[in-house]
């Protein structure tokens, strides 16, 4: 998954920072904001979107459904509407399994290195 965890934890993230985390265009984020009710970033006086950690988690879930699982926007909306918690639990499980996979591959690489 192309999600890159930021080094410094901030309270608010700009739309550019969020787009970089998911390796998508800012237009994707704006479009998803219009399509999905769970995305409600705050806006400052200039009208710039300010995303919280909760918003980023929701975008991560939308990204998983649309980009990784290949659901249509309509299908992703329905999935979130029907049972968001179940979808979130499954996504967290996939994340944990991927983390374990990368850890095991790293261990295997270190074991194969004849130093």
PDB file of N, CA and C in Angstrom:
ATOM      1  N   UNK A   1       0.851  -1.171   0.000  1.00  0.00           N
ATOM      2  CA  UNK A   1       0.000   0.000   0.000  1.00  0.00           C
ATOM      3  C   UNK A   1       0.897   1.234   0.000  1.00  0.00           C
ATOM      4  N   UNK A   2       0.597   2.214  -0.816  1.00  0.00           N
ATOM      5  CA  UNK A   2       1.502   3.342  -0.941  1.00  0.00           C
ATOM      6  C   UNK A   2       1.411   4.368   0.178  1.00  0.00           C
ATOM      7  N   UNK A   3       0.671   4.114   1.206  1.00  0.00           N
ATOM      8  CA  UNK A   3       0.535   5.080   2.286  1.00  0.00           C
ATOM      9  C   UNK A   3       1.879   5.254   2.976  1.00  0.00           C
ATOM     10  N   UNK A   4       2.319   6.513   3.086  1.00  0.00           N
ATOM     11  CA  UNK A   4       3.575   6.822   3.762  1.00  0.00           C
ATOM     12  C   UNK A   4       3.264   7.536   5.062  1.00  0.00           C
ATOM     13  N   UNK A   5       3.637   6.947   6.146  1.00  0.00           N
ATOM     14  CA  UNK A   5       3.369   7.544   7.445  1.00  0.00           C
ATOM     15  C   UNK A   5       4.266   8.768   7.651  1.00  0.00           C
ATOM     16  N   UNK A   6       3.692   9.888   8.055  1.00  0.00           N
ATOM     17  CA  UNK A   6       4.513  11.085   8.266  1.00  0.00           C
ATOM     18  C   UNK A   6       5.446  10.914   9.459  1.00  0.00           C
ATOM     19  N   UNK A   7       6.597  11.598   9.415  1.00  0.00           N
ATOM     20  CA  UNK A   7       7.587  11.464  10.481  1.00  0.00           C
ATOM     21  C   UNK A   7       7.161  12.222  11.733  1.00  0.00           C
ATOM     22  N   UNK A   8       6.628  13.415  11.565  1.00  0.00           N
ATOM     23  CA  UNK A   8       6.207  14.232  12.696  1.00  0.00           C
ATOM     24  C   UNK A   8       4.681  14.225  12.741  1.00  0.00           C
ATOM     25  N   UNK A   9       4.141  13.885  13.886  1.00  0.00           N
ATOM     26  CA  UNK A   9       2.693  13.867  14.027  1.00  0.00           C
ATOM     27  C   UNK A   9       2.187  15.291  14.188  1.00  0.00           C
ATOM     28  N   UNK A  10       1.291  15.680  13.323  1.00  0.00           N
ATOM     29  CA  UNK A  10       0.713  17.010  13.363  1.00  0.00           C
ATOM     30  C   UNK A  10      -0.775  16.895  13.665  1.00  0.00           C
ATOM     31  N   UNK A  11      -1.374  18.011  14.018  1.00  0.00           N
ATOM     32  CA  UNK A  11      -2.804  18.028  14.278  1.00  0.00           C
ATOM     33  C   UNK A  11      -3.563  18.144  12.963  1.00  0.00           C
ATOM     34  N   UNK A  12      -3.084  19.003  12.063  1.00  0.00           N
ATOM     35  CA  UNK A  12      -3.732  19.210  10.773  1.00  0.00           C
ATOM     36  C   UNK A  12      -2.739  18.996   9.641  1.00  0.00           C
ATOM     37  N   UNK A  13      -3.238  18.461   8.541  1.00  0.00           N
ATOM     38  CA  UNK A  13      -2.437  18.229   7.351  1.00  0.00           C
ATOM     39  C   UNK A  13      -3.102  18.945   6.178  1.00  0.00           C
ATOM     40  N   UNK A  14      -2.286  19.510   5.291  1.00  0.00           N
ATOM     41  CA  UNK A  14      -2.823  20.175   4.104  1.00  0.00           C
ATOM     42  C   UNK A  14      -3.244  19.113   3.089  1.00  0.00           C
ATOM     43  N   UNK A  15      -4.005  19.529   2.095  1.00  0.00           N
ATOM     44  CA  UNK A  15      -4.457  18.590   1.068  1.00  0.00           C
ATOM     45  C   UNK A  15      -3.266  18.049   0.275  1.00  0.00           C
ATOM     46  N   UNK A  16      -2.234  18.868   0.098  1.00  0.00           N
ATOM     47  CA  UNK A  16      -1.031  18.404  -0.605  1.00  0.00           C
ATOM     48  C   UNK A  16      -0.306  17.314   0.159  1.00  0.00           C
ATOM     49  N   UNK A  17      -0.214  17.484   1.474  1.00  0.00           N
ATOM     50  CA  UNK A  17       0.438  16.464   2.300  1.00  0.00           C
ATOM     51  C   UNK A  17      -0.345  15.160   2.278  1.00  0.00           C
ATOM     52  N   UNK A  18      -1.665  15.264   2.329  1.00  0.00           N
ATOM     53  CA  UNK A  18      -2.507  14.066   2.304  1.00  0.00           C
ATOM     54  C   UNK A  18      -2.387  13.369   0.952  1.00  0.00           C
ATOM     55  N   UNK A  19      -2.406  14.143  -0.127  1.00  0.00           N
ATOM     56  CA  UNK A  19      -2.266  13.563  -1.463  1.00  0.00           C
ATOM     57  C   UNK A  19      -0.918  12.852  -1.605  1.00  0.00           C
ATOM     58  N   UNK A  20       0.141  13.439  -1.050  1.00  0.00           N
ATOM     59  CA  UNK A  20       1.463  12.801  -1.098  1.00  0.00           C
ATOM     60  C   UNK A  20       1.489  11.494  -0.313  1.00  0.00           C
ATOM     61  N   UNK A  21       0.787  11.441   0.818  1.00  0.00           N
ATOM     62  CA  UNK A  21       0.749  10.218   1.629  1.00  0.00           C
ATOM     63  C   UNK A  21       0.182   9.044   0.838  1.00  0.00           C
ATOM     64  N   UNK A  22      -0.807   9.335  -0.007  1.00  0.00           N
ATOM     65  CA  UNK A  22      -1.494   8.278  -0.743  1.00  0.00           C
ATOM     66  C   UNK A  22      -1.064   8.199  -2.210  1.00  0.00           C
ATOM     67  N   UNK A  23      -0.116   9.061  -2.587  1.00  0.00           N
ATOM     68  CA  UNK A  23       0.381   9.097  -3.961  1.00  0.00           C
ATOM     69  C   UNK A  23      -0.741   9.248  -4.970  1.00  0.00           C
ATOM     70  N   UNK A  24      -1.639  10.202  -4.705  1.00  0.00           N
ATOM     71  CA  UNK A  24      -2.717  10.561  -5.628  1.00  0.00           C
ATOM     72  C   UNK A  24      -2.680  12.069  -5.820  1.00  0.00           C
ATOM     73  N   UNK A  25      -3.420  12.540  -6.795  1.00  0.00           N
ATOM     74  CA  UNK A  25      -3.518  13.977  -7.027  1.00  0.00           C
ATOM     75  C   UNK A  25      -4.426  14.612  -5.980  1.00  0.00           C
ATOM     76  N   UNK A  26      -4.238  15.901  -5.769  1.00  0.00           N
ATOM     77  CA  UNK A  26      -5.103  16.612  -4.829  1.00  0.00           C
ATOM     78  C   UNK A  26      -6.548  16.592  -5.319  1.00  0.00           C
ATOM     79  N   UNK A  27      -6.723  16.511  -6.641  1.00  0.00           N
ATOM     80  CA  UNK A  27      -8.085  16.463  -7.185  1.00  0.00           C
ATOM     81  C   UNK A  27      -8.814  15.196  -6.737  1.00  0.00           C
ATOM     82  N   UNK A  28      -8.065  14.085  -6.557  1.00  0.00           N
ATOM     83  CA  UNK A  28      -8.670  12.852  -6.032  1.00  0.00           C
ATOM     84  C   UNK A  28      -9.251  13.102  -4.644  1.00  0.00           C
ATOM     85  N   UNK A  29      -8.481  13.768  -3.808  1.00  0.00           N
ATOM     86  CA  UNK A  29      -8.907  14.020  -2.432  1.00  0.00           C
ATOM     87  C   UNK A  29     -10.135  14.923  -2.429  1.00  0.00           C
ATOM     88  N   UNK A  30     -10.102  15.983  -3.244  1.00  0.00           N
ATOM     89  CA  UNK A  30     -11.261  16.879  -3.315  1.00  0.00           C
ATOM     90  C   UNK A  30     -12.492  16.140  -3.830  1.00  0.00           C
ATOM     91  N   UNK A  31     -12.304  15.288  -4.839  1.00  0.00           N
ATOM     92  CA  UNK A  31     -13.417  14.524  -5.397  1.00  0.00           C
ATOM     93  C   UNK A  31     -14.002  13.586  -4.354  1.00  0.00           C
ATOM     94  N   UNK A  32     -13.130  12.865  -3.636  1.00  0.00           N
ATOM     95  CA  UNK A  32     -13.610  11.950  -2.599  1.00  0.00           C
ATOM     96  C   UNK A  32     -14.320  12.719  -1.495  1.00  0.00           C
ATOM     97  N   UNK A  33     -13.859  13.935  -1.196  1.00  0.00           N
ATOM     98  CA  UNK A  33     -14.523  14.751  -0.181  1.00  0.00           C
ATOM     99  C   UNK A  33     -15.968  15.046  -0.594  1.00  0.00           C
ATOM    100  N   UNK A  34     -16.169  15.312  -1.888  1.00  0.00           N
ATOM    101  CA  UNK A  34     -17.523  15.580  -2.375  1.00  0.00           C
ATOM    102  C   UNK A  34     -18.381  14.320  -2.433  1.00  0.00           C
ATOM    103  N   UNK A  35     -17.768  13.185  -2.676  1.00  0.00           N
ATOM    104  CA  UNK A  35     -18.505  11.930  -2.853  1.00  0.00           C
ATOM    105  C   UNK A  35     -18.834  11.208  -1.545  1.00  0.00           C
ATOM    106  N   UNK A  36     -17.954  11.303  -0.555  1.00  0.00           N
ATOM    107  CA  UNK A  36     -18.116  10.534   0.672  1.00  0.00           C
ATOM    108  C   UNK A  36     -18.450  11.451   1.843  1.00  0.00           C
ATOM    109  N   UNK A  37     -19.532  11.128   2.534  1.00  0.00           N
ATOM    110  CA  UNK A  37     -19.995  11.936   3.666  1.00  0.00           C
ATOM    111  C   UNK A  37     -19.055  11.871   4.864  1.00  0.00           C
ATOM    112  N   UNK A  38     -18.253  10.821   4.952  1.00  0.00           N
ATOM    113  CA  UNK A  38     -17.385  10.682   6.124  1.00  0.00           C
ATOM    114  C   UNK A  38     -16.190  11.628   6.073  1.00  0.00           C
ATOM    115  N   UNK A  39     -15.923  12.237   4.924  1.00  0.00           N
ATOM    116  CA  UNK A  39     -14.816  13.196   4.798  1.00  0.00           C
ATOM    117  C   UNK A  39     -15.346  14.613   4.971  1.00  0.00           C
ATOM    118  N   UNK A  40     -14.993  15.221   6.061  1.00  0.00           N
ATOM    119  CA  UNK A  40     -15.392  16.599   6.345  1.00  0.00           C
ATOM    120  C   UNK A  40     -14.198  17.376   6.899  1.00  0.00           C
ATOM    121  N   UNK A  41     -13.211  17.699   6.053  1.00  0.00           N
ATOM    122  CA  UNK A  41     -12.067  18.452   6.572  1.00  0.00           C
ATOM    123  C   UNK A  41     -12.478  19.873   6.953  1.00  0.00           C
ATOM    124  N   UNK A  42     -11.795  20.401   7.934  1.00  0.00           N
ATOM    125  CA  UNK A  42     -12.045  21.789   8.317  1.00  0.00           C
ATOM    126  C   UNK A  42     -11.393  22.685   7.278  1.00  0.00           C
ATOM    127  N   UNK A  43     -11.846  23.926   7.232  1.00  0.00           N
ATOM    128  CA  UNK A  43     -11.242  24.897   6.316  1.00  0.00           C
ATOM    129  C   UNK A  43     -10.827  26.123   7.113  1.00  0.00           C
ATOM    130  N   UNK A  44      -9.669  26.664   6.748  1.00  0.00           N
ATOM    131  CA  UNK A  44      -9.217  27.878   7.430  1.00  0.00           C
ATOM    132  C   UNK A  44      -9.850  29.103   6.769  1.00  0.00           C
ATOM    133  N   UNK A  45      -9.451  30.286   7.197  1.00  0.00           N
ATOM    134  CA  UNK A  45     -10.047  31.520   6.671  1.00  0.00           C
ATOM    135  C   UNK A  45      -9.819  31.691   5.175  1.00  0.00           C
ATOM    136  N   UNK A  46      -8.729  31.139   4.684  1.00  0.00           N
ATOM    137  CA  UNK A  46      -8.434  31.233   3.253  1.00  0.00           C
ATOM    138  C   UNK A  46      -9.196  30.184   2.442  1.00  0.00           C
ATOM    139  N   UNK A  47      -9.818  29.237   3.115  1.00  0.00           N
ATOM    140  CA  UNK A  47     -10.543  28.178   2.423  1.00  0.00           C
ATOM    141  C   UNK A  47      -9.723  26.930   2.181  1.00  0.00           C
ATOM    142  N   UNK A  48      -8.501  26.883   2.712  1.00  0.00           N
ATOM    143  CA  UNK A  48      -7.657  25.693   2.565  1.00  0.00           C
ATOM    144  C   UNK A  48      -8.186  24.574   3.459  1.00  0.00           C
ATOM    145  N   UNK A  49      -8.178  23.374   2.925  1.00  0.00           N
ATOM    146  CA  UNK A  49      -8.645  22.216   3.685  1.00  0.00           C
ATOM    147  C   UNK A  49      -7.588  21.802   4.705  1.00  0.00           C
ATOM    148  N   UNK A  50      -8.055  21.492   5.903  1.00  0.00           N
ATOM    149  CA  UNK A  50      -7.178  21.026   6.978  1.00  0.00           C
ATOM    150  C   UNK A  50      -7.687  19.661   7.435  1.00  0.00           C
ATOM    151  N   UNK A  51      -6.904  18.629   7.172  1.00  0.00           N
ATOM    152  CA  UNK A  51      -7.304  17.257   7.466  1.00  0.00           C
ATOM    153  C   UNK A  51      -6.746  16.811   8.811  1.00  0.00           C
ATOM    154  N   UNK A  52      -7.593  16.162   9.603  1.00  0.00           N
ATOM    155  CA  UNK A  52      -7.180  15.614  10.892  1.00  0.00           C
ATOM    156  C   UNK A  52      -6.762  14.160  10.701  1.00  0.00           C
ATOM    157  N   UNK A  53      -6.261  13.553  11.781  1.00  0.00           N
ATOM    158  CA  UNK A  53      -5.888  12.137  11.732  1.00  0.00           C
ATOM    159  C   UNK A  53      -7.107  11.268  11.403  1.00  0.00           C
ATOM    160  N   UNK A  54      -8.261  11.645  11.923  1.00  0.00           N
ATOM    161  CA  UNK A  54      -9.489  10.889  11.633  1.00  0.00           C
ATOM    162  C   UNK A  54      -9.827  10.971  10.151  1.00  0.00           C
ATOM    163  N   UNK A  55      -9.671  12.146   9.556  1.00  0.00           N
ATOM    164  CA  UNK A  55      -9.907  12.297   8.119  1.00  0.00           C
ATOM    165  C   UNK A  55      -8.952  11.414   7.322  1.00  0.00           C
ATOM    166  N   UNK A  56      -7.701  11.369   7.756  1.00  0.00           N
ATOM    167  CA  UNK A  56      -6.702  10.558   7.053  1.00  0.00           C
ATOM    168  C   UNK A  56      -7.050   9.074   7.158  1.00  0.00           C
ATOM    169  N   UNK A  57      -7.525   8.640   8.318  1.00  0.00           N
ATOM    170  CA  UNK A  57      -7.952   7.244   8.467  1.00  0.00           C
ATOM    171  C   UNK A  57      -9.132   6.934   7.539  1.00  0.00           C
ATOM    172  N   UNK A  58     -10.059   7.882   7.415  1.00  0.00           N
ATOM    173  CA  UNK A  58     -11.195   7.687   6.505  1.00  0.00           C
ATOM    174  C   UNK A  58     -10.733   7.637   5.055  1.00  0.00           C
ATOM    175  N   UNK A  59      -9.770   8.478   4.690  1.00  0.00           N
ATOM    176  CA  UNK A  59      -9.229   8.447   3.328  1.00  0.00           C
ATOM    177  C   UNK A  59      -8.502   7.131   3.092  1.00  0.00           C
ATOM    178  N   UNK A  60      -7.807   6.649   4.103  1.00  0.00           N
ATOM    179  CA  UNK A  60      -7.115   5.363   3.986  1.00  0.00           C
ATOM    180  C   UNK A  60      -8.126   4.245   3.698  1.00  0.00           C
ATOM    181  N   UNK A  61      -9.259   4.307   4.362  1.00  0.00           N
ATOM    182  CA  UNK A  61     -10.311   3.309   4.155  1.00  0.00           C
ATOM    183  C   UNK A  61     -10.900   3.434   2.751  1.00  0.00           C
ATOM    184  N   UNK A  62     -11.163   4.652   2.311  1.00  0.00           N
ATOM    185  CA  UNK A  62     -11.698   4.874   0.964  1.00  0.00           C
ATOM    186  C   UNK A  62     -10.683   4.408  -0.077  1.00  0.00           C
ATOM    187  N   UNK A  63      -9.417   4.737   0.134  1.00  0.00           N
ATOM    188  CA  UNK A  63      -8.359   4.308  -0.779  1.00  0.00           C
ATOM    189  C   UNK A  63      -8.333   2.786  -0.888  1.00  0.00           C
ATOM    190  N   UNK A  64      -8.417   2.134   0.259  1.00  0.00           N
ATOM    191  CA  UNK A  64      -8.412   0.667   0.283  1.00  0.00           C
ATOM    192  C   UNK A  64      -9.565   0.105  -0.541  1.00  0.00           C
ATOM    193  N   UNK A  65     -10.759   0.643  -0.336  1.00  0.00           N
ATOM    194  CA  UNK A  65     -11.932   0.128  -1.044  1.00  0.00           C
ATOM    195  C   UNK A  65     -11.873   0.403  -2.540  1.00  0.00           C
ATOM    196  N   UNK A  66     -11.494   1.612  -2.912  1.00  0.00           N
ATOM    197  CA  UNK A  66     -11.551   2.020  -4.315  1.00  0.00           C
ATOM    198  C   UNK A  66     -10.321   1.574  -5.100  1.00  0.00           C
ATOM    199  N   UNK A  67      -9.145   1.837  -4.570  1.00  0.00           N
ATOM    200  CA  UNK A  67      -7.911   1.570  -5.329  1.00  0.00           C
ATOM    201  C   UNK A  67      -7.403   0.141  -5.167  1.00  0.00           C
ATOM    202  N   UNK A  68      -7.486  -0.416  -3.956  1.00  0.00           N
ATOM    203  CA  UNK A  68      -6.915  -1.738  -3.721  1.00  0.00           C
ATOM    204  C   UNK A  68      -7.917  -2.861  -3.986  1.00  0.00           C
ATOM    205  N   UNK A  69      -9.143  -2.675  -3.544  1.00  0.00           N
ATOM    206  CA  UNK A  69     -10.143  -3.724  -3.747  1.00  0.00           C
ATOM    207  C   UNK A  69     -10.899  -3.559  -5.051  1.00  0.00           C
ATOM    208  N   UNK A  70     -10.791  -2.381  -5.685  1.00  0.00           N
ATOM    209  CA  UNK A  70     -11.387  -2.171  -7.002  1.00  0.00           C
ATOM    210  C   UNK A  70     -12.884  -1.916  -6.994  1.00  0.00           C
ATOM    211  N   UNK A  71     -13.430  -1.488  -5.875  1.00  0.00           N
ATOM    212  CA  UNK A  71     -14.850  -1.187  -5.830  1.00  0.00           C
ATOM    213  C   UNK A  71     -15.128   0.122  -6.566  1.00  0.00           C
ATOM    214  N   UNK A  72     -16.322   0.233  -7.102  1.00  0.00           N
ATOM    215  CA  UNK A  72     -16.739   1.494  -7.694  1.00  0.00           C
ATOM    216  C   UNK A  72     -17.030   2.466  -6.560  1.00  0.00           C
ATOM    217  N   UNK A  73     -17.157   3.738  -6.886  1.00  0.00           N
ATOM    218  CA  UNK A  73     -17.483   4.720  -5.849  1.00  0.00           C
ATOM    219  C   UNK A  73     -18.822   4.389  -5.207  1.00  0.00           C
ATOM    220  N   UNK A  74     -19.766   3.980  -6.032  1.00  0.00           N
ATOM    221  CA  UNK A  74     -21.084   3.612  -5.510  1.00  0.00           C
ATOM    222  C   UNK A  74     -20.966   2.409  -4.573  1.00  0.00           C
ATOM    223  N   UNK A  75     -20.178   1.422  -4.970  1.00  0.00           N
ATOM    224  CA  UNK A  75     -19.977   0.236  -4.142  1.00  0.00           C
ATOM    225  C   UNK A  75     -19.277   0.566  -2.830  1.00  0.00           C
ATOM    226  N   UNK A  76     -18.282   1.452  -2.905  1.00  0.00           N
ATOM    227  CA  UNK A  76     -17.553   1.852  -1.694  1.00  0.00           C
ATOM    228  C   UNK A  76     -18.472   2.620  -0.747  1.00  0.00           C
ATOM    229  N   UNK A  77     -19.296   3.508  -1.298  1.00  0.00           N
ATOM    230  CA  UNK A  77     -20.249   4.266  -0.462  1.00  0.00           C
ATOM    231  C   UNK A  77     -21.211   3.309   0.237  1.00  0.00           C
ATOM    232  N   UNK A  78     -21.701   2.326  -0.512  1.00  0.00           N
ATOM    233  CA  UNK A  78     -22.652   1.359   0.050  1.00  0.00           C
ATOM    234  C   UNK A  78     -21.990   0.536   1.142  1.00  0.00           C
ATOM    235  N   UNK A  79     -20.753   0.128   0.909  1.00  0.00           N
ATOM    236  CA  UNK A  79     -20.015  -0.667   1.898  1.00  0.00           C
ATOM    237  C   UNK A  79     -19.835   0.120   3.196  1.00  0.00           C
ATOM    238  N   UNK A  80     -19.481   1.390   3.075  1.00  0.00           N
ATOM    239  CA  UNK A  80     -19.305   2.232   4.260  1.00  0.00           C
ATOM    240  C   UNK A  80     -20.632   2.510   4.946  1.00  0.00           C
ATOM    241  N   UNK A  81     -21.686   2.647   4.159  1.00  0.00           N
ATOM    242  CA  UNK A  81     -23.007   2.918   4.724  1.00  0.00           C
ATOM    243  C   UNK A  81     -23.544   1.691   5.456  1.00  0.00           C
ATOM    244  N   UNK A  82     -23.389   0.521   4.850  1.00  0.00           N
ATOM    245  CA  UNK A  82     -23.939  -0.701   5.425  1.00  0.00           C
ATOM    246  C   UNK A  82     -23.241  -1.098   6.718  1.00  0.00           C
ATOM    247  N   UNK A  83     -21.921  -1.159   6.680  1.00  0.00           N
ATOM    248  CA  UNK A  83     -21.199  -1.627   7.862  1.00  0.00           C
ATOM    249  C   UNK A  83     -19.776  -1.083   7.849  1.00  0.00           C
ATOM    250  N   UNK A  84     -19.623   0.156   8.262  1.00  0.00           N
ATOM    251  CA  UNK A  84     -18.305   0.793   8.256  1.00  0.00           C
ATOM    252  C   UNK A  84     -17.342   0.080   9.192  1.00  0.00           C
ATOM    253  N   UNK A  85     -17.805  -0.316  10.364  1.00  0.00           N
ATOM    254  CA  UNK A  85     -16.913  -0.930  11.353  1.00  0.00           C
ATOM    255  C   UNK A  85     -16.345  -2.255  10.850  1.00  0.00           C
ATOM    256  N   UNK A  86     -17.165  -3.061  10.204  1.00  0.00           N
ATOM    257  CA  UNK A  86     -16.695  -4.334   9.654  1.00  0.00           C
ATOM    258  C   UNK A  86     -15.641  -4.089   8.581  1.00  0.00           C
ATOM    259  N   UNK A  87     -15.886  -3.114   7.719  1.00  0.00           N
ATOM    260  CA  UNK A  87     -14.938  -2.769   6.677  1.00  0.00           C
ATOM    261  C   UNK A  87     -13.635  -2.273   7.287  1.00  0.00           C
ATOM    262  N   UNK A  88     -13.735  -1.448   8.315  1.00  0.00           N
ATOM    263  CA  UNK A  88     -12.559  -0.933   9.007  1.00  0.00           C
ATOM    264  C   UNK A  88     -11.770  -2.063   9.667  1.00  0.00           C
ATOM    265  N   UNK A  89     -12.470  -2.984  10.311  1.00  0.00           N
ATOM    266  CA  UNK A  89     -11.797  -4.121  10.954  1.00  0.00           C
ATOM    267  C   UNK A  89     -11.040  -4.969   9.932  1.00  0.00           C
ATOM    268  N   UNK A  90     -11.669  -5.228   8.789  1.00  0.00           N
ATOM    269  CA  UNK A  90     -11.016  -6.027   7.756  1.00  0.00           C
ATOM    270  C   UNK A  90      -9.798  -5.303   7.195  1.00  0.00           C
ATOM    271  N   UNK A  91      -9.922  -3.999   7.028  1.00  0.00           N
ATOM    272  CA  UNK A  91      -8.797  -3.219   6.514  1.00  0.00           C
ATOM    273  C   UNK A  91      -7.636  -3.237   7.502  1.00  0.00           C
ATOM    274  N   UNK A  92      -7.919  -3.109   8.784  1.00  0.00           N
ATOM    275  CA  UNK A  92      -6.870  -3.150   9.800  1.00  0.00           C
ATOM    276  C   UNK A  92      -6.193  -4.513   9.826  1.00  0.00           C
ATOM    277  N   UNK A  93      -6.960  -5.564   9.629  1.00  0.00           N
ATOM    278  CA  UNK A  93      -6.399  -6.902   9.572  1.00  0.00           C
ATOM    279  C   UNK A  93      -5.451  -7.042   8.386  1.00  0.00           C
ATOM    280  N   UNK A  94      -5.862  -6.544   7.229  1.00  0.00           N
ATOM    281  CA  UNK A  94      -5.005  -6.587   6.039  1.00  0.00           C
ATOM    282  C   UNK A  94      -3.724  -5.800   6.288  1.00  0.00           C
ATOM    283  N   UNK A  95      -3.839  -4.633   6.919  1.00  0.00           N
ATOM    284  CA  UNK A  95      -2.655  -3.832   7.246  1.00  0.00           C
ATOM    285  C   UNK A  95      -1.692  -4.592   8.145  1.00  0.00           C
ATOM    286  N   UNK A  96      -2.226  -5.248   9.168  1.00  0.00           N
ATOM    287  CA  UNK A  96      -1.371  -6.015  10.080  1.00  0.00           C
ATOM    288  C   UNK A  96      -0.682  -7.164   9.362  1.00  0.00           C
ATOM    289  N   UNK A  97      -1.429  -7.856   8.511  1.00  0.00           N
ATOM    290  CA  UNK A  97      -0.850  -8.975   7.765  1.00  0.00           C
ATOM    291  C   UNK A  97       0.242  -8.498   6.812  1.00  0.00           C
ATOM    292  N   UNK A  98       0.030  -7.354   6.164  1.00  0.00           N
ATOM    293  CA  UNK A  98       1.057  -6.814   5.283  1.00  0.00           C
ATOM    294  C   UNK A  98       2.300  -6.422   6.073  1.00  0.00           C
ATOM    295  N   UNK A  99       2.100  -5.884   7.246  1.00  0.00           N
ATOM    296  CA  UNK A  99       3.224  -5.506   8.103  1.00  0.00           C
ATOM    297  C   UNK A  99       4.036  -6.742   8.488  1.00  0.00           C
ATOM    298  N   UNK A 100       3.349  -7.806   8.832  1.00  0.00           N
ATOM    299  CA  UNK A 100       4.021  -9.066   9.179  1.00  0.00           C
ATOM    300  C   UNK A 100       4.765  -9.612   7.967  1.00  0.00           C
ATOM    301  N   UNK A 101       4.149  -9.540   6.799  1.00  0.00           N
ATOM    302  CA  UNK A 101       4.784 -10.021   5.576  1.00  0.00           C
ATOM    303  C   UNK A 101       6.094  -9.278   5.320  1.00  0.00           C
ATOM    304  N   UNK A 102       6.067  -7.943   5.421  1.00  0.00           N
ATOM    305  CA  UNK A 102       7.277  -7.153   5.189  1.00  0.00           C
ATOM    306  C   UNK A 102       8.347  -7.454   6.230  1.00  0.00           C
ATOM    307  N   UNK A 103       7.931  -7.685   7.465  1.00  0.00           N
ATOM    308  CA  UNK A 103       8.875  -8.020   8.515  1.00  0.00           C
ATOM    309  C   UNK A 103       9.534  -9.367   8.208  1.00  0.00           C
ATOM    310  N   UNK A 104       8.742 -10.350   7.783  1.00  0.00           N
ATOM    311  CA  UNK A 104       9.289 -11.663   7.456  1.00  0.00           C
ATOM    312  C   UNK A 104      10.204 -11.601   6.238  1.00  0.00           C
ATOM    313  N   UNK A 105       9.840 -10.812   5.245  1.00  0.00           N
ATOM    314  CA  UNK A 105      10.704 -10.666   4.074  1.00  0.00           C
ATOM    315  C   UNK A 105      12.028 -10.006   4.447  1.00  0.00           C
ATOM    316  N   UNK A 106      11.981  -9.062   5.359  1.00  0.00           N
ATOM    317  CA  UNK A 106      13.192  -8.406   5.837  1.00  0.00           C
ATOM    318  C   UNK A 106      14.090  -9.409   6.572  1.00  0.00           C
ATOM    319  N   UNK A 107      13.480 -10.240   7.409  1.00  0.00           N
ATOM    320  CA  UNK A 107      14.236 -11.272   8.132  1.00  0.00           C
ATOM    321  C   UNK A 107      14.869 -12.250   7.153  1.00  0.00           C
ATOM    322  N   UNK A 108      14.081 -12.663   6.134  1.00  0.00           N
ATOM    323  CA  UNK A 108      14.592 -13.594   5.130  1.00  0.00           C
ATOM    324  C   UNK A 108      15.772 -12.978   4.374  1.00  0.00           C
ATOM    325  N   UNK A 109      15.649 -11.705   4.034  1.00  0.00           N
ATOM    326  CA  UNK A 109      16.728 -11.019   3.316  1.00  0.00           C
ATOM    327  C   UNK A 109      17.993 -10.970   4.163  1.00  0.00           C
ATOM    328  N   UNK A 110      17.848 -10.720   5.454  1.00  0.00           N
ATOM    329  CA  UNK A 110      19.004 -10.673   6.353  1.00  0.00           C
ATOM    330  C   UNK A 110      19.633 -12.049   6.518  1.00  0.00           C
ATOM    331  N   UNK A 111      18.808 -13.084   6.510  1.00  0.00           N
ATOM    332  CA  UNK A 111      19.330 -14.446   6.655  1.00  0.00           C
ATOM    333  C   UNK A 111      20.055 -14.890   5.381  1.00  0.00           C
ATOM    334  N   UNK A 112      19.588 -14.432   4.239  1.00  0.00           N
ATOM    335  CA  UNK A 112      20.201 -14.803   2.957  1.00  0.00           C
ATOM    336  C   UNK A 112      21.513 -14.052   2.710  1.00  0.00           C
ATOM    337  N   UNK A 113      21.700 -12.929   3.399  1.00  0.00           N
ATOM    338  CA  UNK A 113      22.916 -12.136   3.233  1.00  0.00           C
ATOM    339  C   UNK A 113      24.073 -12.847   3.937  1.00  0.00           C
ATOM    340  N   UNK A 114      25.128 -13.266   3.201  1.00  0.00           N
ATOM    341  CA  UNK A 114      26.191 -14.110   3.785  1.00  0.00           C
ATOM    342  C   UNK A 114      27.224 -13.340   4.608  1.00  0.00           C
ATOM    343  N   UNK A 115      26.961 -12.207   5.157  1.00  0.00           N
ATOM    344  CA  UNK A 115      27.962 -11.438   5.915  1.00  0.00           C
ATOM    345  C   UNK A 115      28.279 -12.088   7.186  1.00  0.00           C
TER     346      UNK A 115
END
